[in-house]
Amino acid sequence: MTRLEREFVPGTQYDAERLPFAKRLEELLPGECIWPINSGGPYLFCAAKTKGKYCPHHKARLLQKKGGHEDG
């Protein structure tokens, strides 16, 4: 189990905490997390600072969905 998996926060709680900082797709800047955090329009995205497409929390969630394997 990786550090990210040990520190995993259930999506609804983490995403709720990110909501005040969320941005619409057209407002996102390079280096901000592109994970959608709501289920209705307008769609809002996490926008946490990152070096890739997703912040560490959402990257861990993605890896869990994929069964723990990262492509590339």
N, C-alpha and C. Protein backbone atom coordinates (compact mmCIF):
# COMPACT_ATOMS: atom_id res chain seq x y z
N MET A 1 0.85 -1.18 0.00
CA MET A 1 0.00 0.00 0.00
C MET A 1 0.90 1.24 0.00
N THR A 2 0.60 2.16 -0.92
CA THR A 2 1.41 3.37 -1.02
C THR A 2 0.97 4.40 0.01
N ARG A 3 1.80 5.42 0.17
CA ARG A 3 1.45 6.51 1.09
C ARG A 3 0.13 7.16 0.67
N LEU A 4 -0.07 7.34 -0.65
CA LEU A 4 -1.31 7.96 -1.12
C LEU A 4 -2.53 7.11 -0.77
N GLU A 5 -2.41 5.80 -0.88
CA GLU A 5 -3.53 4.92 -0.54
C GLU A 5 -3.81 4.95 0.96
N ARG A 6 -2.77 5.04 1.79
CA ARG A 6 -2.97 5.10 3.24
C ARG A 6 -3.65 6.40 3.65
N GLU A 7 -3.35 7.49 2.93
CA GLU A 7 -3.90 8.79 3.27
C GLU A 7 -5.19 9.10 2.51
N PHE A 8 -5.72 8.10 1.82
CA PHE A 8 -6.92 8.29 1.01
C PHE A 8 -8.09 8.78 1.85
N VAL A 9 -8.72 9.84 1.40
CA VAL A 9 -9.90 10.40 2.05
C VAL A 9 -11.08 10.07 1.15
N PRO A 10 -12.20 9.61 1.68
CA PRO A 10 -13.35 9.32 0.82
C PRO A 10 -13.67 10.50 -0.09
N GLY A 11 -13.96 10.21 -1.34
CA GLY A 11 -14.15 11.23 -2.35
C GLY A 11 -15.13 12.33 -1.97
N THR A 12 -16.23 11.98 -1.40
CA THR A 12 -17.22 13.00 -1.09
C THR A 12 -16.69 14.01 -0.08
N GLN A 13 -15.94 13.57 0.90
CA GLN A 13 -15.39 14.49 1.90
C GLN A 13 -14.31 15.37 1.29
N TYR A 14 -13.36 14.77 0.59
CA TYR A 14 -12.28 15.55 -0.02
C TYR A 14 -12.84 16.53 -1.05
N ASP A 15 -13.72 16.03 -1.90
CA ASP A 15 -14.27 16.89 -2.94
C ASP A 15 -15.10 18.02 -2.34
N ALA A 16 -15.79 17.75 -1.26
CA ALA A 16 -16.54 18.81 -0.58
C ALA A 16 -15.60 19.88 -0.04
N GLU A 17 -14.44 19.47 0.45
CA GLU A 17 -13.44 20.43 0.95
C GLU A 17 -12.83 21.24 -0.19
N ARG A 18 -12.75 20.65 -1.38
CA ARG A 18 -12.17 21.34 -2.54
C ARG A 18 -13.17 22.28 -3.22
N LEU A 19 -14.46 22.09 -2.98
CA LEU A 19 -15.49 22.85 -3.68
C LEU A 19 -15.30 24.37 -3.64
N PRO A 20 -14.92 24.95 -2.50
CA PRO A 20 -14.72 26.42 -2.50
C PRO A 20 -13.60 26.89 -3.43
N PHE A 21 -12.70 25.98 -3.80
CA PHE A 21 -11.56 26.33 -4.65
C PHE A 21 -11.74 25.85 -6.09
N ALA A 22 -12.86 25.18 -6.35
CA ALA A 22 -13.11 24.58 -7.66
C ALA A 22 -13.24 25.63 -8.75
N LYS A 23 -12.95 25.20 -9.96
CA LYS A 23 -13.04 26.09 -11.12
C LYS A 23 -13.78 25.40 -12.25
N ARG A 24 -14.35 26.20 -13.13
CA ARG A 24 -14.92 25.66 -14.36
C ARG A 24 -13.78 25.27 -15.29
N LEU A 25 -14.07 24.40 -16.22
CA LEU A 25 -13.04 23.90 -17.13
C LEU A 25 -12.27 25.02 -17.81
N GLU A 26 -12.98 26.02 -18.29
CA GLU A 26 -12.31 27.10 -19.04
C GLU A 26 -11.46 28.00 -18.14
N GLU A 27 -11.62 27.87 -16.82
CA GLU A 27 -10.84 28.68 -15.87
C GLU A 27 -9.57 27.97 -15.39
N LEU A 28 -9.48 26.66 -15.64
CA LEU A 28 -8.31 25.91 -15.16
C LEU A 28 -7.04 26.40 -15.84
N LEU A 29 -5.97 26.44 -15.07
CA LEU A 29 -4.65 26.81 -15.58
C LEU A 29 -3.77 25.58 -15.65
N PRO A 30 -2.71 25.61 -16.44
CA PRO A 30 -1.77 24.49 -16.44
C PRO A 30 -1.27 24.24 -15.01
N GLY A 31 -1.17 22.98 -14.64
CA GLY A 31 -0.71 22.63 -13.30
C GLY A 31 -1.82 22.59 -12.26
N GLU A 32 -3.08 22.56 -12.70
CA GLU A 32 -4.21 22.42 -11.78
C GLU A 32 -4.95 21.13 -12.10
N CYS A 33 -5.41 20.46 -11.05
CA CYS A 33 -6.07 19.17 -11.15
C CYS A 33 -7.36 19.27 -11.97
N ILE A 34 -7.51 18.34 -12.91
CA ILE A 34 -8.66 18.35 -13.82
C ILE A 34 -9.76 17.36 -13.41
N TRP A 35 -9.74 16.88 -12.17
CA TRP A 35 -10.74 15.92 -11.72
C TRP A 35 -12.07 16.64 -11.46
N PRO A 36 -13.18 16.18 -12.09
CA PRO A 36 -14.48 16.80 -11.82
C PRO A 36 -14.95 16.46 -10.41
N ILE A 37 -15.44 17.45 -9.67
CA ILE A 37 -15.81 17.19 -8.27
C ILE A 37 -17.30 17.36 -8.00
N ASN A 38 -18.08 17.60 -9.04
CA ASN A 38 -19.53 17.63 -8.83
C ASN A 38 -20.19 16.86 -9.97
N SER A 39 -21.48 16.62 -9.84
CA SER A 39 -22.15 15.78 -10.83
C SER A 39 -23.21 16.53 -11.62
N GLY A 40 -23.20 17.84 -11.54
CA GLY A 40 -24.18 18.60 -12.30
C GLY A 40 -23.62 19.89 -12.80
N GLY A 41 -24.26 20.41 -13.81
CA GLY A 41 -23.76 21.64 -14.40
C GLY A 41 -24.00 22.85 -13.53
N PRO A 42 -23.13 23.82 -13.56
CA PRO A 42 -21.89 23.74 -14.31
C PRO A 42 -20.90 22.81 -13.63
N TYR A 43 -20.20 22.02 -14.43
CA TYR A 43 -19.22 21.10 -13.87
C TYR A 43 -18.05 21.90 -13.30
N LEU A 44 -17.61 21.48 -12.13
CA LEU A 44 -16.48 22.12 -11.46
C LEU A 44 -15.36 21.11 -11.29
N PHE A 45 -14.13 21.60 -11.36
CA PHE A 45 -12.96 20.74 -11.30
C PHE A 45 -12.11 21.11 -10.10
N CYS A 46 -11.39 20.15 -9.55
CA CYS A 46 -10.64 20.27 -8.31
C CYS A 46 -9.73 21.51 -8.28
N ALA A 47 -8.90 21.69 -9.28
CA ALA A 47 -8.00 22.84 -9.42
C ALA A 47 -6.88 22.90 -8.40
N ALA A 48 -6.64 21.82 -7.64
CA ALA A 48 -5.48 21.79 -6.73
C ALA A 48 -4.20 21.80 -7.55
N LYS A 49 -3.17 22.40 -7.03
CA LYS A 49 -1.88 22.45 -7.72
C LYS A 49 -1.32 21.05 -7.89
N THR A 50 -0.77 20.78 -9.08
CA THR A 50 -0.22 19.47 -9.38
C THR A 50 0.84 19.58 -10.47
N LYS A 51 1.65 18.54 -10.60
CA LYS A 51 2.65 18.52 -11.66
C LYS A 51 2.15 17.73 -12.87
N GLY A 52 1.03 17.04 -12.72
CA GLY A 52 0.44 16.28 -13.82
C GLY A 52 -0.99 16.73 -14.04
N LYS A 53 -1.83 15.78 -14.45
CA LYS A 53 -3.24 16.10 -14.68
C LYS A 53 -4.04 16.12 -13.39
N TYR A 54 -3.62 15.30 -12.40
CA TYR A 54 -4.40 15.13 -11.18
C TYR A 54 -3.57 15.40 -9.94
N CYS A 55 -4.22 15.92 -8.90
CA CYS A 55 -3.55 16.10 -7.61
C CYS A 55 -3.29 14.71 -7.01
N PRO A 56 -2.43 14.61 -6.00
CA PRO A 56 -2.12 13.29 -5.42
C PRO A 56 -3.37 12.52 -4.96
N HIS A 57 -4.34 13.20 -4.38
CA HIS A 57 -5.54 12.50 -3.92
C HIS A 57 -6.31 11.88 -5.09
N HIS A 58 -6.56 12.68 -6.13
CA HIS A 58 -7.33 12.16 -7.25
C HIS A 58 -6.54 11.16 -8.06
N LYS A 59 -5.23 11.28 -8.11
CA LYS A 59 -4.41 10.27 -8.77
C LYS A 59 -4.53 8.94 -8.05
N ALA A 60 -4.55 8.97 -6.72
CA ALA A 60 -4.72 7.73 -5.95
C ALA A 60 -6.09 7.12 -6.22
N ARG A 61 -7.12 7.93 -6.33
CA ARG A 61 -8.46 7.42 -6.65
C ARG A 61 -8.49 6.79 -8.03
N LEU A 62 -7.82 7.43 -8.99
CA LEU A 62 -7.75 6.89 -10.33
C LEU A 62 -7.05 5.54 -10.34
N LEU A 63 -5.95 5.44 -9.61
CA LEU A 63 -5.21 4.18 -9.54
C LEU A 63 -6.05 3.09 -8.88
N GLN A 64 -6.85 3.44 -7.88
CA GLN A 64 -7.73 2.46 -7.25
C GLN A 64 -8.77 1.95 -8.25
N LYS A 65 -9.30 2.85 -9.07
CA LYS A 65 -10.28 2.44 -10.09
C LYS A 65 -9.64 1.50 -11.11
N LYS A 66 -8.37 1.74 -11.43
CA LYS A 66 -7.65 0.92 -12.41
C LYS A 66 -7.11 -0.36 -11.78
N GLY A 67 -7.30 -0.56 -10.51
CA GLY A 67 -6.79 -1.74 -9.84
C GLY A 67 -5.38 -1.58 -9.34
N GLY A 68 -4.93 -0.34 -9.14
CA GLY A 68 -3.61 -0.09 -8.58
C GLY A 68 -2.48 -0.02 -9.57
N HIS A 69 -2.79 -0.02 -10.86
CA HIS A 69 -1.75 0.02 -11.88
C HIS A 69 -1.80 1.33 -12.64
N GLU A 70 -0.66 1.95 -12.75
CA GLU A 70 -0.57 3.22 -13.48
C GLU A 70 0.02 2.94 -14.85
N ASP A 71 -0.61 3.47 -15.89
CA ASP A 71 -0.08 3.33 -17.24
C ASP A 71 1.04 4.33 -17.45
N GLY A 72 2.10 3.89 -18.16
CA GLY A 72 3.18 4.79 -18.52
C GLY A 72 4.06 4.97 -17.39
